N, C-alpha and C. Protein backbone atom coordinates (compact mmCIF):
# COMPACT_ATOMS: atom_id res chain seq x y z
N MET A 1 39.95 162.98 37.31
CA MET A 1 39.40 163.29 36.00
C MET A 1 39.06 161.98 35.26
N ILE A 2 38.21 162.10 34.23
CA ILE A 2 37.95 160.98 33.34
C ILE A 2 39.03 160.97 32.27
N ASN A 3 39.71 159.88 32.07
CA ASN A 3 40.75 159.83 31.08
C ASN A 3 40.16 159.87 29.69
N SER A 4 40.94 160.46 28.75
CA SER A 4 40.48 160.53 27.36
C SER A 4 40.37 159.10 26.80
N ASN A 5 41.22 158.17 27.29
CA ASN A 5 41.12 156.79 26.85
C ASN A 5 39.82 156.11 27.21
N THR A 6 39.21 156.57 28.33
CA THR A 6 37.90 156.01 28.73
C THR A 6 36.85 156.42 27.72
N PHE A 7 36.88 157.67 27.30
CA PHE A 7 35.93 158.12 26.28
C PHE A 7 36.20 157.42 24.90
N LYS A 8 37.49 157.23 24.62
CA LYS A 8 37.84 156.52 23.37
C LYS A 8 37.30 155.09 23.40
N PHE A 9 37.41 154.44 24.53
CA PHE A 9 36.90 153.06 24.64
C PHE A 9 35.38 153.06 24.42
N LEU A 10 34.66 153.97 25.04
CA LEU A 10 33.21 154.00 24.90
C LEU A 10 32.79 154.31 23.48
N GLY A 11 33.55 155.17 22.82
CA GLY A 11 33.27 155.49 21.42
C GLY A 11 33.49 154.29 20.51
N ASP A 12 34.54 153.58 20.75
CA ASP A 12 34.82 152.40 19.97
C ASP A 12 33.81 151.30 20.22
N LEU A 13 33.40 151.17 21.49
CA LEU A 13 32.38 150.16 21.84
C LEU A 13 31.06 150.43 21.14
N ALA A 14 30.71 151.69 20.97
CA ALA A 14 29.45 152.04 20.29
C ALA A 14 29.45 151.51 18.88
N PHE A 15 30.62 151.46 18.26
CA PHE A 15 30.67 151.00 16.85
C PHE A 15 30.98 149.50 16.76
N ASN A 16 31.30 148.88 17.86
CA ASN A 16 31.68 147.44 17.85
C ASN A 16 30.98 146.73 18.99
N ASN A 17 29.66 146.93 19.10
CA ASN A 17 28.93 146.44 20.26
C ASN A 17 28.60 144.96 20.08
N ASN A 18 29.62 144.14 20.27
CA ASN A 18 29.47 142.68 20.15
C ASN A 18 30.48 142.01 21.10
N ARG A 19 30.13 140.77 21.48
CA ARG A 19 30.96 140.07 22.47
C ARG A 19 32.37 139.77 21.98
N GLU A 20 32.52 139.50 20.70
CA GLU A 20 33.84 139.20 20.20
C GLU A 20 34.78 140.37 20.37
N TRP A 21 34.34 141.56 19.94
CA TRP A 21 35.18 142.76 20.10
C TRP A 21 35.46 143.02 21.55
N PHE A 22 34.37 142.92 22.39
CA PHE A 22 34.54 143.24 23.80
C PHE A 22 35.60 142.35 24.48
N LEU A 23 35.56 141.07 24.18
CA LEU A 23 36.54 140.15 24.76
C LEU A 23 37.95 140.49 24.35
N ILE A 24 38.13 140.86 23.08
CA ILE A 24 39.46 141.26 22.60
C ILE A 24 39.96 142.55 23.32
N ASN A 25 38.99 143.40 23.65
CA ASN A 25 39.31 144.71 24.28
C ASN A 25 38.98 144.73 25.75
N LYS A 26 38.93 143.56 26.39
CA LYS A 26 38.56 143.47 27.83
C LYS A 26 39.52 144.27 28.68
N GLU A 27 40.80 144.28 28.34
CA GLU A 27 41.75 145.01 29.13
C GLU A 27 41.46 146.54 29.11
N ARG A 28 41.07 147.04 27.94
CA ARG A 28 40.73 148.45 27.81
C ARG A 28 39.50 148.78 28.66
N TYR A 29 38.54 147.84 28.66
CA TYR A 29 37.37 148.04 29.51
C TYR A 29 37.72 148.07 30.99
N GLU A 30 38.61 147.20 31.45
CA GLU A 30 38.98 147.14 32.83
C GLU A 30 39.68 148.47 33.22
N GLU A 31 40.54 148.97 32.35
CA GLU A 31 41.22 150.25 32.61
C GLU A 31 40.22 151.39 32.71
N ALA A 32 39.25 151.40 31.78
CA ALA A 32 38.22 152.46 31.82
C ALA A 32 37.38 152.38 33.08
N ARG A 33 37.01 151.15 33.44
CA ARG A 33 36.19 150.94 34.62
C ARG A 33 36.93 151.40 35.89
N LEU A 34 38.21 151.05 35.99
CA LEU A 34 39.02 151.49 37.14
C LEU A 34 39.08 153.00 37.21
N ASN A 35 39.23 153.68 36.05
CA ASN A 35 39.23 155.12 36.03
C ASN A 35 37.92 155.68 36.54
N VAL A 36 36.81 155.07 36.15
CA VAL A 36 35.48 155.56 36.61
C VAL A 36 35.28 155.29 38.10
N LEU A 37 35.76 154.15 38.56
CA LEU A 37 35.66 153.84 39.99
C LEU A 37 36.44 154.87 40.85
N ASP A 38 37.66 155.16 40.37
CA ASP A 38 38.46 156.18 41.10
C ASP A 38 37.80 157.51 41.10
N PHE A 39 37.21 157.88 39.96
CA PHE A 39 36.48 159.17 39.88
C PHE A 39 35.27 159.16 40.81
N ALA A 40 34.55 158.05 40.84
CA ALA A 40 33.38 157.94 41.72
C ALA A 40 33.79 158.08 43.17
N ALA A 41 34.91 157.50 43.57
CA ALA A 41 35.39 157.60 44.93
C ALA A 41 35.65 159.07 45.33
N ASP A 42 36.25 159.83 44.42
CA ASP A 42 36.55 161.22 44.71
C ASP A 42 35.27 162.04 44.82
N VAL A 43 34.30 161.76 43.93
CA VAL A 43 33.02 162.46 43.96
C VAL A 43 32.26 162.11 45.23
N LEU A 44 32.29 160.85 45.64
CA LEU A 44 31.64 160.43 46.88
C LEU A 44 32.17 161.22 48.07
N SER A 45 33.47 161.36 48.11
CA SER A 45 34.10 162.10 49.21
C SER A 45 33.58 163.53 49.24
N GLY A 46 33.45 164.13 48.04
CA GLY A 46 32.99 165.52 47.98
C GLY A 46 31.52 165.64 48.38
N ILE A 47 30.68 164.74 47.92
CA ILE A 47 29.24 164.79 48.25
C ILE A 47 29.04 164.68 49.76
N SER A 48 29.78 163.79 50.40
CA SER A 48 29.57 163.54 51.81
C SER A 48 29.88 164.77 52.66
N ASN A 49 30.59 165.73 52.09
CA ASN A 49 30.90 166.97 52.85
C ASN A 49 29.66 167.87 53.01
N PHE A 50 28.68 167.75 52.10
CA PHE A 50 27.50 168.59 52.24
C PHE A 50 26.17 167.79 52.40
N ASP A 51 26.24 166.50 52.15
CA ASP A 51 25.06 165.67 52.30
C ASP A 51 25.39 164.48 53.18
N SER A 52 25.04 164.57 54.43
CA SER A 52 25.45 163.59 55.43
C SER A 52 24.78 162.24 55.22
N SER A 53 23.73 162.20 54.38
CA SER A 53 23.05 160.91 54.13
C SER A 53 23.85 160.04 53.18
N ILE A 54 24.86 160.60 52.50
CA ILE A 54 25.71 159.84 51.59
C ILE A 54 26.96 159.49 52.34
N PRO A 55 27.12 158.23 52.80
CA PRO A 55 28.33 157.91 53.57
C PRO A 55 29.59 157.91 52.72
N SER A 56 30.62 158.55 53.24
CA SER A 56 31.89 158.62 52.48
C SER A 56 32.53 157.25 52.33
N VAL A 57 32.14 156.29 53.18
CA VAL A 57 32.73 154.94 53.13
C VAL A 57 31.97 154.06 52.14
N LEU A 58 30.97 154.61 51.48
CA LEU A 58 30.25 153.82 50.46
C LEU A 58 31.20 153.36 49.39
N ALA A 59 31.13 152.13 49.02
CA ALA A 59 32.07 151.53 48.05
C ALA A 59 31.74 152.04 46.63
N PRO A 60 32.69 152.61 45.91
CA PRO A 60 32.45 153.07 44.54
C PRO A 60 31.81 151.98 43.64
N LYS A 61 32.20 150.72 43.85
CA LYS A 61 31.67 149.64 43.02
C LYS A 61 30.17 149.51 43.21
N ASP A 62 29.69 149.96 44.35
CA ASP A 62 28.26 149.88 44.61
C ASP A 62 27.49 151.07 43.95
N CYS A 63 28.23 151.98 43.38
CA CYS A 63 27.63 153.17 42.73
C CYS A 63 27.69 153.06 41.20
N VAL A 64 28.66 152.36 40.67
CA VAL A 64 28.84 152.31 39.22
C VAL A 64 28.01 151.17 38.62
N ASN A 65 27.17 151.54 37.63
CA ASN A 65 26.30 150.55 37.00
C ASN A 65 27.12 149.58 36.15
N ARG A 66 26.59 148.37 36.01
CA ARG A 66 27.21 147.39 35.11
C ARG A 66 27.11 147.89 33.67
N ILE A 67 28.13 147.51 32.89
CA ILE A 67 28.13 147.89 31.48
C ILE A 67 27.30 146.90 30.64
N TYR A 68 26.98 145.77 31.25
CA TYR A 68 26.22 144.75 30.52
C TYR A 68 24.75 145.08 30.53
N ARG A 69 24.13 145.03 29.34
CA ARG A 69 22.73 145.35 29.23
C ARG A 69 21.85 144.12 29.50
N ASP A 70 20.70 144.37 30.07
CA ASP A 70 19.68 143.33 30.22
C ASP A 70 18.80 143.33 28.96
N VAL A 71 18.99 142.39 28.11
CA VAL A 71 18.32 142.41 26.80
C VAL A 71 17.11 141.49 26.72
N ARG A 72 16.73 140.91 27.88
CA ARG A 72 15.64 139.93 27.88
C ARG A 72 14.36 140.46 27.30
N PHE A 73 14.01 141.70 27.65
CA PHE A 73 12.73 142.26 27.24
C PHE A 73 12.91 143.44 26.29
N SER A 74 14.08 143.50 25.65
CA SER A 74 14.36 144.63 24.75
C SER A 74 14.50 144.18 23.29
N LYS A 75 13.98 145.01 22.39
CA LYS A 75 14.17 144.75 20.97
C LYS A 75 15.65 144.97 20.56
N ASP A 76 16.31 145.87 21.29
CA ASP A 76 17.74 146.13 21.06
C ASP A 76 18.55 145.05 21.76
N LYS A 77 19.18 144.19 21.03
CA LYS A 77 19.93 143.08 21.59
C LYS A 77 21.44 143.32 21.71
N THR A 78 21.88 144.56 21.49
CA THR A 78 23.30 144.85 21.70
C THR A 78 23.64 144.59 23.17
N PRO A 79 24.73 143.87 23.43
CA PRO A 79 25.01 143.39 24.79
C PRO A 79 25.54 144.38 25.78
N TYR A 80 26.05 145.52 25.29
CA TYR A 80 26.76 146.44 26.21
C TYR A 80 26.19 147.87 26.12
N LYS A 81 26.26 148.56 27.25
CA LYS A 81 25.95 149.98 27.24
C LYS A 81 27.14 150.75 26.65
N ASN A 82 26.90 151.87 26.07
CA ASN A 82 27.99 152.69 25.55
C ASN A 82 28.25 153.90 26.44
N ASN A 83 28.01 153.70 27.73
CA ASN A 83 28.20 154.75 28.73
C ASN A 83 28.55 154.11 30.04
N PHE A 84 29.05 154.94 30.94
CA PHE A 84 29.17 154.56 32.38
C PHE A 84 28.18 155.41 33.13
N GLY A 85 27.37 154.78 33.97
CA GLY A 85 26.42 155.49 34.80
C GLY A 85 26.78 155.31 36.25
N ILE A 86 26.75 156.38 37.02
CA ILE A 86 27.13 156.32 38.42
C ILE A 86 26.00 156.92 39.27
N GLY A 87 25.45 156.13 40.20
CA GLY A 87 24.39 156.60 41.08
C GLY A 87 24.90 156.82 42.47
N PHE A 88 24.61 157.98 43.02
CA PHE A 88 25.04 158.35 44.38
C PHE A 88 23.81 158.51 45.27
N SER A 89 23.62 157.62 46.19
CA SER A 89 22.50 157.70 47.12
C SER A 89 22.97 156.95 48.38
N PRO A 90 22.18 156.96 49.48
CA PRO A 90 22.57 156.21 50.63
C PRO A 90 22.81 154.70 50.31
N ASN A 91 22.17 154.25 49.22
CA ASN A 91 22.34 152.86 48.80
C ASN A 91 23.09 152.75 47.48
N GLY A 92 23.88 153.73 47.16
CA GLY A 92 24.63 153.73 45.92
C GLY A 92 23.71 153.81 44.73
N LYS A 93 23.93 152.93 43.75
CA LYS A 93 23.16 152.98 42.52
C LYS A 93 21.75 152.45 42.67
N LYS A 94 21.47 151.77 43.80
CA LYS A 94 20.14 151.22 44.10
C LYS A 94 19.31 152.29 44.79
N PHE A 95 18.75 153.16 43.98
CA PHE A 95 18.04 154.32 44.55
C PHE A 95 16.75 153.86 45.27
N ILE A 96 16.63 154.28 46.49
CA ILE A 96 15.35 154.18 47.21
C ILE A 96 15.01 155.60 47.66
N GLY A 97 14.28 156.28 46.79
CA GLY A 97 14.09 157.71 47.04
C GLY A 97 15.05 158.53 46.15
N PRO A 98 15.28 159.79 46.49
CA PRO A 98 16.08 160.69 45.65
C PRO A 98 17.57 160.38 45.71
N GLY A 99 18.29 160.82 44.68
CA GLY A 99 19.73 160.66 44.64
C GLY A 99 20.35 161.45 43.48
N TYR A 100 21.65 161.31 43.38
CA TYR A 100 22.41 162.00 42.36
C TYR A 100 22.90 161.03 41.29
N TYR A 101 23.08 161.54 40.08
CA TYR A 101 23.49 160.66 39.00
C TYR A 101 24.49 161.36 38.09
N LEU A 102 25.48 160.60 37.65
CA LEU A 102 26.49 161.07 36.68
C LEU A 102 26.51 160.10 35.48
N HIS A 103 26.34 160.66 34.29
CA HIS A 103 26.31 159.89 33.05
C HIS A 103 27.54 160.25 32.25
N ILE A 104 28.35 159.25 31.92
CA ILE A 104 29.61 159.47 31.19
C ILE A 104 29.50 158.84 29.82
N HIS A 105 29.53 159.69 28.81
CA HIS A 105 29.33 159.25 27.40
C HIS A 105 30.12 160.21 26.51
N PRO A 106 30.73 159.73 25.47
CA PRO A 106 31.56 160.62 24.63
C PRO A 106 30.82 161.84 24.08
N GLU A 107 29.51 161.75 23.84
CA GLU A 107 28.80 162.89 23.25
C GLU A 107 27.63 163.35 24.12
N ASP A 108 27.34 162.70 25.25
CA ASP A 108 26.14 162.99 25.99
C ASP A 108 26.36 162.79 27.48
N SER A 109 27.33 163.46 28.05
CA SER A 109 27.59 163.36 29.47
C SER A 109 26.77 164.38 30.21
N PHE A 110 26.31 164.04 31.41
CA PHE A 110 25.54 165.01 32.22
C PHE A 110 25.52 164.59 33.68
N ILE A 111 25.23 165.56 34.56
CA ILE A 111 24.94 165.25 35.93
C ILE A 111 23.45 165.56 36.14
N GLY A 112 22.87 164.91 37.12
CA GLY A 112 21.48 165.13 37.36
C GLY A 112 21.08 164.51 38.70
N GLY A 113 19.81 164.50 38.94
CA GLY A 113 19.37 163.86 40.18
C GLY A 113 17.93 164.22 40.49
N GLY A 114 17.46 163.61 41.55
CA GLY A 114 16.07 163.77 41.97
C GLY A 114 15.41 162.39 42.13
N CYS A 115 14.17 162.28 41.75
CA CYS A 115 13.46 160.99 41.76
C CYS A 115 12.95 160.72 40.33
N TRP A 116 13.56 159.72 39.71
CA TRP A 116 13.16 159.34 38.34
C TRP A 116 12.09 158.29 38.40
N MET A 117 10.92 158.63 37.89
CA MET A 117 9.76 157.71 37.77
C MET A 117 9.51 156.99 39.11
N PRO A 118 9.28 157.73 40.20
CA PRO A 118 9.06 157.08 41.51
C PRO A 118 7.82 156.19 41.48
N GLU A 119 7.84 155.15 42.32
CA GLU A 119 6.67 154.32 42.44
C GLU A 119 5.50 155.07 43.05
N SER A 120 4.34 154.46 42.99
CA SER A 120 3.08 155.14 43.26
C SER A 120 3.07 155.88 44.58
N GLU A 121 3.47 155.20 45.66
CA GLU A 121 3.37 155.80 46.96
C GLU A 121 4.31 156.98 47.12
N LEU A 122 5.53 156.87 46.60
CA LEU A 122 6.47 157.96 46.68
C LEU A 122 6.02 159.10 45.79
N LEU A 123 5.44 158.79 44.64
CA LEU A 123 4.95 159.84 43.77
C LEU A 123 3.82 160.64 44.45
N LYS A 124 2.94 159.95 45.14
CA LYS A 124 1.88 160.63 45.88
C LYS A 124 2.47 161.49 46.97
N ALA A 125 3.51 161.00 47.65
CA ALA A 125 4.12 161.77 48.71
C ALA A 125 4.81 163.04 48.21
N ILE A 126 5.46 162.93 47.07
CA ILE A 126 6.14 164.09 46.48
C ILE A 126 5.08 165.13 46.06
N ARG A 127 4.03 164.69 45.42
CA ARG A 127 2.95 165.62 45.05
C ARG A 127 2.33 166.30 46.26
N GLN A 128 2.16 165.56 47.34
CA GLN A 128 1.65 166.14 48.55
C GLN A 128 2.60 167.17 49.11
N GLU A 129 3.92 166.90 49.07
CA GLU A 129 4.89 167.83 49.59
C GLU A 129 4.88 169.12 48.76
N ILE A 130 4.72 169.03 47.45
CA ILE A 130 4.59 170.20 46.59
C ILE A 130 3.29 170.95 46.90
N ASP A 131 2.25 170.20 47.10
CA ASP A 131 0.95 170.80 47.43
C ASP A 131 1.05 171.62 48.72
N TYR A 132 1.68 171.03 49.73
CA TYR A 132 1.76 171.69 51.05
C TYR A 132 2.83 172.79 51.08
N ASN A 133 3.89 172.62 50.32
CA ASN A 133 5.05 173.53 50.45
C ASN A 133 5.47 174.04 49.06
N GLY A 134 4.51 174.47 48.27
CA GLY A 134 4.78 174.94 46.90
C GLY A 134 5.72 176.12 46.88
N ASN A 135 5.59 177.02 47.85
CA ASN A 135 6.49 178.18 47.86
C ASN A 135 7.95 177.76 48.04
N ASP A 136 8.20 176.81 48.93
CA ASP A 136 9.54 176.29 49.14
C ASP A 136 10.07 175.67 47.87
N PHE A 137 9.21 174.90 47.20
CA PHE A 137 9.61 174.24 45.94
C PHE A 137 10.03 175.25 44.88
N ARG A 138 9.21 176.29 44.72
CA ARG A 138 9.53 177.30 43.75
C ARG A 138 10.78 178.12 44.14
N GLN A 139 10.93 178.36 45.42
CA GLN A 139 12.09 179.11 45.87
C GLN A 139 13.39 178.40 45.51
N ILE A 140 13.39 177.06 45.61
CA ILE A 140 14.59 176.29 45.26
C ILE A 140 14.88 176.45 43.76
N MET A 141 13.82 176.25 42.94
CA MET A 141 13.99 176.26 41.49
C MET A 141 14.32 177.63 40.95
N GLU A 142 13.81 178.68 41.65
CA GLU A 142 14.03 180.04 41.15
C GLU A 142 15.27 180.71 41.71
N ASP A 143 15.99 180.03 42.58
CA ASP A 143 17.26 180.55 43.02
C ASP A 143 18.18 180.74 41.83
N PRO A 144 18.80 181.92 41.67
CA PRO A 144 19.59 182.19 40.44
C PRO A 144 20.68 181.20 40.21
N LEU A 145 21.42 180.76 41.23
CA LEU A 145 22.49 179.79 41.02
C LEU A 145 21.95 178.48 40.53
N PHE A 146 20.82 178.06 41.08
CA PHE A 146 20.21 176.81 40.68
C PHE A 146 19.64 176.90 39.29
N ALA A 147 18.86 177.92 39.04
CA ALA A 147 18.17 178.07 37.76
C ALA A 147 19.18 178.29 36.60
N ASN A 148 20.22 179.03 36.81
CA ASN A 148 21.20 179.25 35.75
C ASN A 148 21.97 177.99 35.41
N PHE A 149 22.13 177.10 36.39
CA PHE A 149 22.89 175.89 36.18
C PHE A 149 22.03 174.79 35.60
N PHE A 150 20.83 174.58 36.12
CA PHE A 150 20.03 173.46 35.73
C PHE A 150 18.90 173.81 34.75
N GLY A 151 18.51 175.10 34.73
CA GLY A 151 17.37 175.43 33.89
C GLY A 151 16.07 174.91 34.49
N GLY A 152 15.12 174.55 33.66
CA GLY A 152 13.81 174.07 34.14
C GLY A 152 13.86 172.58 34.46
N ILE A 153 12.87 172.16 35.22
CA ILE A 153 12.74 170.75 35.61
C ILE A 153 12.50 169.89 34.36
N ASP A 154 13.07 168.68 34.33
CA ASP A 154 12.82 167.78 33.22
C ASP A 154 11.35 167.41 33.16
N SER A 155 10.76 167.54 31.98
CA SER A 155 9.28 167.37 31.88
C SER A 155 8.90 166.37 30.82
N GLU A 156 9.79 165.41 30.55
CA GLU A 156 9.49 164.37 29.53
C GLU A 156 8.32 163.49 29.93
N TYR A 157 8.24 163.21 31.24
CA TYR A 157 7.19 162.32 31.74
C TYR A 157 6.17 163.16 32.50
N LYS A 158 4.99 163.33 31.92
CA LYS A 158 4.01 164.22 32.47
C LYS A 158 2.61 163.78 32.11
N LEU A 159 1.70 163.90 33.06
CA LEU A 159 0.29 163.60 32.76
C LEU A 159 -0.30 164.69 31.85
N LYS A 160 -1.27 164.30 31.04
CA LYS A 160 -1.98 165.24 30.22
C LYS A 160 -3.15 165.87 30.96
N THR A 161 -3.60 165.16 32.00
CA THR A 161 -4.74 165.63 32.81
C THR A 161 -4.24 165.81 34.26
N CYS A 162 -5.13 166.30 35.10
CA CYS A 162 -4.78 166.52 36.52
C CYS A 162 -4.63 165.16 37.21
N PRO A 163 -3.66 165.08 38.16
CA PRO A 163 -3.59 163.89 38.96
C PRO A 163 -4.79 163.82 39.93
N LYS A 164 -5.18 162.63 40.33
CA LYS A 164 -6.33 162.46 41.16
C LYS A 164 -6.18 163.25 42.47
N GLY A 165 -7.21 164.01 42.81
CA GLY A 165 -7.17 164.75 44.07
C GLY A 165 -6.75 166.20 43.94
N TYR A 166 -6.45 166.62 42.71
CA TYR A 166 -5.97 168.02 42.54
C TYR A 166 -6.80 168.69 41.44
N ASP A 167 -7.01 169.98 41.58
CA ASP A 167 -7.80 170.76 40.65
C ASP A 167 -6.92 171.43 39.57
N LEU A 168 -7.52 171.71 38.44
CA LEU A 168 -6.82 172.31 37.35
C LEU A 168 -6.28 173.70 37.71
N ASP A 169 -6.97 174.36 38.63
CA ASP A 169 -6.55 175.75 39.00
C ASP A 169 -5.58 175.78 40.16
N HIS A 170 -5.02 174.62 40.53
CA HIS A 170 -4.03 174.56 41.60
C HIS A 170 -2.79 175.35 41.11
N PRO A 171 -2.21 176.22 41.94
CA PRO A 171 -1.09 177.06 41.52
C PRO A 171 0.14 176.26 41.06
N GLU A 172 0.27 175.02 41.51
CA GLU A 172 1.42 174.20 41.12
C GLU A 172 1.01 173.05 40.25
N ILE A 173 -0.10 173.19 39.54
CA ILE A 173 -0.66 172.05 38.78
C ILE A 173 0.32 171.50 37.76
N GLU A 174 1.11 172.37 37.13
CA GLU A 174 2.04 171.83 36.08
C GLU A 174 3.12 170.97 36.69
N PHE A 175 3.50 171.22 37.92
CA PHE A 175 4.50 170.39 38.62
C PHE A 175 3.82 169.12 39.15
N LEU A 176 2.57 169.28 39.61
CA LEU A 176 1.86 168.11 40.12
C LEU A 176 1.54 167.09 39.02
N LYS A 177 1.51 167.52 37.79
CA LYS A 177 1.26 166.58 36.68
C LYS A 177 2.49 165.73 36.37
N LEU A 178 3.65 166.14 36.87
CA LEU A 178 4.85 165.39 36.56
C LEU A 178 4.81 163.99 37.15
N LYS A 179 5.39 163.05 36.42
CA LYS A 179 5.52 161.68 36.89
C LYS A 179 7.00 161.37 37.32
N SER A 180 7.87 162.33 37.06
CA SER A 180 9.27 162.17 37.36
C SER A 180 9.76 163.55 37.81
N PHE A 181 10.65 163.60 38.78
CA PHE A 181 11.13 164.86 39.36
C PHE A 181 12.63 164.93 39.34
N THR A 182 13.18 165.39 38.20
CA THR A 182 14.63 165.41 38.03
C THR A 182 15.08 166.70 37.31
N PHE A 183 16.33 167.06 37.63
CA PHE A 183 17.04 168.13 36.94
C PHE A 183 18.32 167.55 36.32
N SER A 184 18.82 168.17 35.26
CA SER A 184 20.07 167.70 34.70
C SER A 184 20.85 168.87 34.10
N HIS A 185 22.18 168.65 33.99
CA HIS A 185 23.06 169.68 33.41
C HIS A 185 24.09 168.97 32.55
N THR A 186 24.24 169.38 31.31
CA THR A 186 25.20 168.76 30.38
C THR A 186 26.63 169.09 30.73
N LEU A 187 27.49 168.07 30.60
CA LEU A 187 28.93 168.28 30.77
C LEU A 187 29.63 167.89 29.49
N THR A 188 30.65 168.65 29.15
CA THR A 188 31.43 168.34 27.94
C THR A 188 32.56 167.38 28.28
N GLN A 189 33.05 166.72 27.23
CA GLN A 189 34.20 165.82 27.41
C GLN A 189 35.39 166.61 27.92
N LYS A 190 35.53 167.84 27.44
CA LYS A 190 36.66 168.71 27.90
C LYS A 190 36.54 168.93 29.38
N GLU A 191 35.32 169.18 29.89
CA GLU A 191 35.16 169.43 31.33
C GLU A 191 35.53 168.19 32.15
N LEU A 192 35.09 167.02 31.68
CA LEU A 192 35.29 165.83 32.45
C LEU A 192 36.74 165.29 32.37
N THR A 193 37.45 165.74 31.39
CA THR A 193 38.91 165.34 31.27
C THR A 193 39.82 166.38 31.85
N SER A 194 39.29 167.43 32.44
CA SER A 194 40.09 168.46 33.01
C SER A 194 40.50 168.09 34.45
N THR A 195 41.54 168.75 35.00
CA THR A 195 41.95 168.44 36.37
C THR A 195 40.93 168.91 37.41
N SER A 196 39.99 169.74 36.99
CA SER A 196 38.99 170.24 37.93
C SER A 196 37.66 169.45 37.81
N ALA A 197 37.66 168.34 37.10
CA ALA A 197 36.45 167.60 36.82
C ALA A 197 35.70 167.20 38.10
N VAL A 198 36.42 166.67 39.09
CA VAL A 198 35.75 166.25 40.31
C VAL A 198 35.10 167.45 41.00
N ASP A 199 35.79 168.54 41.07
CA ASP A 199 35.28 169.76 41.69
C ASP A 199 34.02 170.25 40.97
N GLN A 200 34.04 170.20 39.66
CA GLN A 200 32.88 170.66 38.88
C GLN A 200 31.66 169.78 39.11
N VAL A 201 31.85 168.49 39.17
CA VAL A 201 30.73 167.56 39.37
C VAL A 201 30.20 167.73 40.80
N VAL A 202 31.09 167.80 41.76
CA VAL A 202 30.67 167.94 43.17
C VAL A 202 29.93 169.28 43.34
N ASP A 203 30.44 170.32 42.74
CA ASP A 203 29.79 171.64 42.83
C ASP A 203 28.37 171.60 42.22
N GLY A 204 28.22 170.90 41.10
CA GLY A 204 26.91 170.75 40.53
C GLY A 204 25.95 170.01 41.42
N PHE A 205 26.43 168.92 42.07
CA PHE A 205 25.60 168.18 43.00
C PHE A 205 25.25 169.03 44.23
N ALA A 206 26.21 169.86 44.66
CA ALA A 206 25.93 170.73 45.83
C ALA A 206 24.80 171.71 45.49
N LYS A 207 24.76 172.21 44.24
CA LYS A 207 23.67 173.11 43.83
C LYS A 207 22.35 172.34 43.85
N LEU A 208 22.38 171.02 43.55
CA LEU A 208 21.18 170.21 43.50
C LEU A 208 20.67 169.81 44.85
N TYR A 209 21.55 169.89 45.85
CA TYR A 209 21.22 169.39 47.19
C TYR A 209 19.91 169.90 47.78
N PRO A 210 19.59 171.23 47.69
CA PRO A 210 18.33 171.73 48.25
C PRO A 210 17.12 170.99 47.65
N PHE A 211 17.18 170.67 46.35
CA PHE A 211 16.10 169.95 45.70
C PHE A 211 15.99 168.52 46.23
N ILE A 212 17.17 167.86 46.41
CA ILE A 212 17.18 166.50 46.97
C ILE A 212 16.63 166.52 48.38
N ALA A 213 16.99 167.53 49.18
CA ALA A 213 16.49 167.59 50.56
C ALA A 213 14.98 167.82 50.56
N PHE A 214 14.47 168.59 49.65
CA PHE A 214 13.02 168.80 49.58
C PHE A 214 12.29 167.49 49.28
N LEU A 215 12.83 166.72 48.34
CA LEU A 215 12.23 165.43 48.00
C LEU A 215 12.29 164.49 49.19
N ARG A 216 13.37 164.51 49.93
CA ARG A 216 13.52 163.63 51.11
C ARG A 216 12.48 163.96 52.17
N ASN A 217 12.10 165.22 52.26
CA ASN A 217 11.07 165.62 53.23
C ASN A 217 9.73 164.90 52.96
N ALA A 218 9.55 164.57 51.68
CA ALA A 218 8.30 163.87 51.33
C ALA A 218 8.31 162.46 51.90
N LEU A 219 9.45 161.92 52.23
CA LEU A 219 9.53 160.59 52.78
C LEU A 219 9.46 160.56 54.30
N SER A 220 9.61 161.71 54.91
CA SER A 220 9.63 161.74 56.36
C SER A 220 8.25 161.87 57.00
């Protein structure tokens, strides 16, 4: 489970996002990070039971994102993230293609996955896969267990016009307009601090697996 102290640290960091406070509270950070690493290890073990592309021997440290922000090109110069992000893919947090993601934040935790803003060639491949196998794509999304848990596909990033090579009357045109292919499900702090937290996260990722597998077919 995620300890309540981990959430407390993140909440305090949000209000004290500066190097002086962080250095004074470095021990709290290390305890929170260790908690997240342990949680990531348990989730990795669960994912590897249904997704053989995710090796169970993958090091948790290769999945947990750094808490330090890259502020070089950002107007926001706060030095630290106020969340822990964990990426699960064959390459851990370094996604090459689809993968799973867990976001840990006091007020905005969620699980999700898919392909977030894929590069041009992968984007074309995913659109082609939907074009060729639209029925399979819809069958995954319309499965009651999947739909009740994740709802609709995330549609924040979407073209206003048709992508090149596709017509407006294409039956899957609204999906083909997408520039990102992800689903997400909100988790409460109560859920993540419960003794069943690992099982809940792994179960959510298991529901997402058919969508991940569909996206992987685009790469084959």
